[in-house]
Protein backbone atom coordinates (compact mmCIF):
# COMPACT_ATOMS: atom_id res chain seq x y z
CA MET A 1 0.00 0.00 0.00
CA ALA A 2 1.23 3.51 -0.80
CA HIS A 3 2.17 5.70 2.14
CA PRO A 4 -0.18 8.63 2.92
CA MET A 5 -0.19 11.43 0.36
CA LEU A 6 -1.94 14.74 -0.18
CA ILE A 7 -4.49 14.54 -2.99
CA ILE A 8 -6.07 17.77 -4.26
CA PHE A 9 -9.20 17.47 -6.38
CA ASP A 10 -10.65 19.87 -8.88
CA VAL A 11 -14.47 19.89 -8.62
CA ASP A 12 -16.15 20.66 -11.97
CA GLY A 13 -15.37 17.94 -14.48
CA THR A 14 -13.50 15.88 -11.91
CA LEU A 15 -16.01 15.21 -9.13
CA LEU A 16 -19.17 16.85 -10.49
CA GLN A 17 -20.89 16.43 -13.86
CA SER A 18 -21.29 20.19 -14.01
CA HIS A 19 -23.14 20.38 -17.34
CA ARG A 20 -26.22 18.85 -15.70
CA ALA A 21 -26.66 22.07 -13.73
CA THR A 22 -24.98 24.74 -15.83
CA VAL A 23 -26.51 23.93 -19.22
CA PRO A 24 -30.17 23.92 -18.12
CA ALA A 25 -29.66 26.99 -15.92
CA ILE A 26 -28.30 29.05 -18.81
CA ARG A 27 -30.91 27.77 -21.25
CA GLU A 28 -33.84 28.44 -18.93
CA VAL A 29 -32.79 31.97 -17.96
CA PHE A 30 -31.79 33.01 -21.48
CA LEU A 31 -35.09 31.78 -22.94
CA ALA A 32 -37.02 33.55 -20.18
CA HIS A 33 -35.36 36.80 -21.30
CA GLY A 34 -36.01 36.17 -25.00
CA LEU A 35 -32.38 35.32 -25.75
CA THR A 36 -30.96 32.45 -27.77
CA PRO A 37 -28.91 30.34 -25.36
CA PRO A 38 -25.40 29.21 -26.26
CA SER A 39 -25.03 25.63 -27.47
CA GLU A 40 -24.36 22.87 -24.97
CA ALA A 41 -20.90 22.39 -26.47
CA ALA A 42 -20.10 26.09 -26.03
CA ILE A 43 -21.29 26.01 -22.43
CA GLN A 44 -19.24 22.93 -21.63
CA GLU A 45 -16.12 24.68 -22.93
CA THR A 46 -16.53 27.19 -20.08
CA VAL A 47 -16.47 24.52 -17.36
CA GLY A 48 -13.40 25.10 -15.25
CA MET A 49 -13.02 28.80 -16.09
CA PRO A 50 -12.43 31.12 -13.14
CA VAL A 51 -15.91 32.25 -12.11
CA HIS A 52 -15.29 35.89 -13.05
CA GLU A 53 -14.24 34.86 -16.58
CA TYR A 54 -17.27 32.61 -16.92
CA GLU A 55 -19.57 35.41 -15.78
CA ALA A 56 -17.95 37.80 -18.28
CA TRP A 57 -18.52 35.20 -21.02
CA LEU A 58 -22.19 35.04 -20.05
CA ALA A 59 -22.55 38.81 -19.87
CA GLN A 60 -21.14 39.23 -23.38
CA ARG A 61 -24.10 37.23 -24.67
CA CYS A 62 -26.69 39.47 -23.01
CA PRO A 63 -27.92 43.02 -23.62
CA GLN A 64 -25.69 45.36 -21.67
CA GLN A 65 -28.54 46.82 -19.62
CA THR A 66 -29.74 43.42 -18.37
CA ALA A 67 -26.48 41.45 -18.34
CA SER A 68 -25.88 41.73 -14.60
CA ALA A 69 -29.40 40.60 -13.72
CA ILE A 70 -29.25 37.69 -16.16
CA VAL A 71 -25.88 36.48 -14.87
CA GLY A 72 -27.20 36.66 -11.31
CA ALA A 73 -30.31 34.71 -12.27
CA VAL A 74 -28.23 32.03 -14.00
CA ASN A 75 -26.04 31.64 -10.91
CA GLU A 76 -29.06 31.25 -8.65
CA ARG A 77 -30.74 28.77 -10.98
CA GLU A 78 -27.51 26.79 -11.30
CA LEU A 79 -27.37 26.28 -7.53
CA GLU A 80 -30.93 24.99 -7.65
CA PHE A 81 -30.10 22.59 -10.47
CA ILE A 82 -27.12 21.25 -8.50
CA SER A 83 -29.65 20.17 -5.87
CA THR A 84 -32.29 18.82 -8.24
CA ALA A 85 -30.32 17.50 -11.22
CA GLY A 86 -26.68 17.53 -10.16
CA THR A 87 -24.76 14.27 -10.38
CA LEU A 88 -21.29 13.18 -9.38
CA PHE A 89 -19.26 11.18 -11.85
CA PRO A 90 -19.69 7.43 -11.38
CA GLY A 91 -17.42 6.08 -8.67
CA VAL A 92 -16.64 9.39 -6.92
CA LEU A 93 -17.92 8.39 -3.48
CA GLN A 94 -16.27 4.98 -3.67
CA ALA A 95 -12.94 6.51 -4.70
CA LEU A 96 -13.00 9.13 -1.95
CA GLN A 97 -13.87 6.47 0.63
CA ALA A 98 -11.02 4.24 -0.56
CA LEU A 99 -8.50 7.08 -0.50
CA LYS A 100 -9.55 8.13 3.00
CA ARG A 101 -9.32 4.54 4.25
CA ALA A 102 -5.80 4.38 2.87
CA GLY A 103 -4.85 7.36 5.04
CA HIS A 104 -4.49 10.00 2.35
CA ALA A 105 -5.31 13.67 3.07
CA LEU A 106 -7.82 15.11 0.62
CA ALA A 107 -8.59 18.70 -0.41
CA THR A 108 -10.50 20.56 -3.12
CA CYS A 109 -9.35 23.35 -5.39
CA THR A 110 -11.85 24.95 -7.74
CA ASN A 111 -12.34 28.06 -9.87
CA ALA A 112 -15.95 28.29 -8.65
CA SER A 113 -17.62 30.75 -6.31
CA VAL A 114 -18.03 30.24 -2.56
CA PRO A 115 -21.78 29.51 -2.78
CA TYR A 116 -21.22 27.04 -5.62
CA LEU A 117 -18.54 25.07 -3.78
CA ALA A 118 -20.61 25.06 -0.59
CA ARG A 119 -23.68 23.75 -2.45
CA VAL A 120 -21.70 20.90 -4.03
CA LEU A 121 -20.09 19.89 -0.75
CA GLU A 122 -23.36 19.94 1.15
CA GLU A 123 -25.65 18.46 -1.50
CA PHE A 124 -23.49 15.39 -2.02
CA SER A 125 -22.25 15.07 1.59
CA LEU A 126 -18.64 15.52 0.46
CA ARG A 127 -17.37 17.82 3.19
CA LYS A 128 -16.44 14.92 5.47
CA PHE A 129 -13.85 13.70 2.98
CA PHE A 130 -11.82 16.92 2.70
CA GLN A 131 -9.53 18.66 5.16
CA ILE A 132 -9.39 21.89 3.16
CA ASN A 133 -11.73 23.30 0.53
CA THR A 134 -10.51 26.23 -1.55
CA CYS A 135 -12.10 28.20 -4.38
CA ILE A 136 -11.18 31.26 -6.41
CA GLY A 137 -14.18 33.00 -4.87
CA GLN A 138 -12.23 33.13 -1.60
CA GLY A 139 -9.86 35.65 -3.15
CA TYR A 140 -7.12 33.47 -4.63
CA PRO A 141 -5.73 34.83 -7.92
CA HIS A 142 -5.48 31.40 -9.57
CA LYS A 143 -5.27 27.67 -8.94
CA THR A 144 -1.51 27.71 -8.49
CA ALA A 145 -2.02 29.87 -5.39
CA MET A 146 -4.77 27.59 -4.09
CA VAL A 147 -2.60 24.51 -4.46
CA ARG A 148 0.30 26.32 -2.79
CA HIS A 149 -1.92 27.23 0.17
CA ILE A 150 -3.12 23.65 0.56
CA MET A 151 0.39 22.22 0.34
CA ASN A 152 1.64 24.69 2.94
CA ALA A 153 -1.17 23.68 5.29
CA ILE A 154 -0.91 19.92 4.77
CA GLN A 155 2.65 18.67 4.73
CA LEU A 156 2.10 15.14 3.40
CA ARG A 157 4.26 14.39 0.40
CA PRO A 158 4.17 13.60 -2.40
CA ALA A 159 1.19 15.71 -3.35
CA VAL A 160 -1.11 15.07 -6.30
CA VAL A 161 -3.52 17.36 -8.16
CA VAL A 162 -6.39 15.69 -10.03
CA GLY A 163 -8.21 17.78 -12.63
CA ASP A 164 -9.65 17.90 -16.12
CA ARG A 165 -8.20 21.19 -17.37
CA ALA A 166 -4.76 22.52 -18.30
CA GLY A 167 -4.92 24.89 -15.31
CA ASP A 168 -5.01 21.91 -12.95
CA ILE A 169 -1.95 20.36 -14.57
CA GLU A 170 -0.13 23.69 -14.52
CA ALA A 171 -0.98 24.30 -10.85
CA ALA A 172 0.42 20.88 -9.94
CA LYS A 173 3.65 21.39 -11.83
CA ALA A 174 4.18 24.91 -10.48
CA ASN A 175 4.06 23.50 -6.95
CA GLY A 176 6.12 20.35 -7.47
CA ALA A 177 3.13 18.02 -7.29
CA TYR A 178 2.13 15.13 -9.48
CA ALA A 179 -0.68 15.83 -11.98
CA ILE A 180 -3.40 13.31 -12.79
CA ALA A 181 -5.51 14.28 -15.80
CA ALA A 182 -9.21 13.48 -15.35
CA CYS A 183 -9.71 12.57 -19.00
CA TYR A 184 -13.37 11.72 -18.41
CA GLY A 185 -14.17 15.38 -17.69
CA TYR A 186 -14.52 18.41 -19.97
CA GLY A 187 -10.94 19.04 -20.99
CA ALA A 188 -9.46 18.20 -24.39
CA GLU A 189 -6.53 15.85 -24.90
CA PRO A 190 -3.96 18.63 -25.63
CA GLU A 191 -4.61 20.02 -22.13
CA PHE A 192 -3.24 16.80 -20.60
CA HIS A 193 0.13 16.86 -22.34
CA ASN A 194 2.16 17.48 -19.18
CA ALA A 195 0.19 15.20 -16.86
CA ASP A 196 2.03 12.41 -15.05
CA ALA A 197 -0.91 10.02 -15.43
CA HIS A 198 -4.27 9.83 -17.18
CA ALA A 199 -7.44 8.68 -15.44
CA HIS A 200 -10.12 7.57 -17.88
CA SER A 201 -12.59 6.97 -15.06
CA VAL A 202 -12.78 7.99 -11.41
CA ALA A 203 -11.91 4.43 -10.41
CA ASP A 204 -8.55 4.81 -12.18
CA ILE A 205 -7.52 7.53 -9.72
CA VAL A 206 -7.22 5.13 -6.78
CA ASP A 207 -4.88 2.82 -8.71
CA ILE A 208 -2.82 5.72 -10.05
CA VAL A 209 -2.39 7.22 -6.58
CA SER A 210 -1.20 3.87 -5.25
CA ARG A 211 1.38 3.65 -8.02
CA LEU A 212 2.58 7.26 -7.70
CA GLY A 213 2.98 6.83 -3.94
CA GLY A 214 5.90 4.51 -4.55
CA MET A 215 7.70 6.80 -6.99
CA PRO A 216 10.11 9.65 -6.12
CA LEU A 217 9.39 13.10 -7.53
């Protein structure tokens, strides 16, 4: 068995099937305001953006005078859809349970807002798995800073970042951590070029962590 490690998870596209909340929220609110909603593919490309960039993307697709209200309405509806239609990726709970049983320290690192992260943690009873939960809405400038904060607070090494976007891989490498690409999420293959390992399902993560635990950085 691998010795205890620090494992930092992205949320959207790694733990949560975010499109099940984001896509219907945008569609519903845009249609209610007489706007043509972006395509599902276009919406999914925004998953993992820092929340302020995502909100700017939304606002650009709205009349200037109503953009702020529409973005606010989308955010509120998205939280509701997390509760009513949100779904974790298959195997998430089992993987988190297995990693905790093995003695690993777990944390989250997401570009989402504070209310969004809180809703995900509470709705799916995930808070008990994680020692630290960080999000860009707490004032961090980027994921590299979030990962640095977590690694300073939890000294277990090696550390691993699991995520489905290039920013997750970059944050891992900038902090001397391993990077596991969550290839089942929303990222494209070129984003995973510098990853140390590729998980094609959540279940793969447990096996990869066990293997990386026996390798020197």
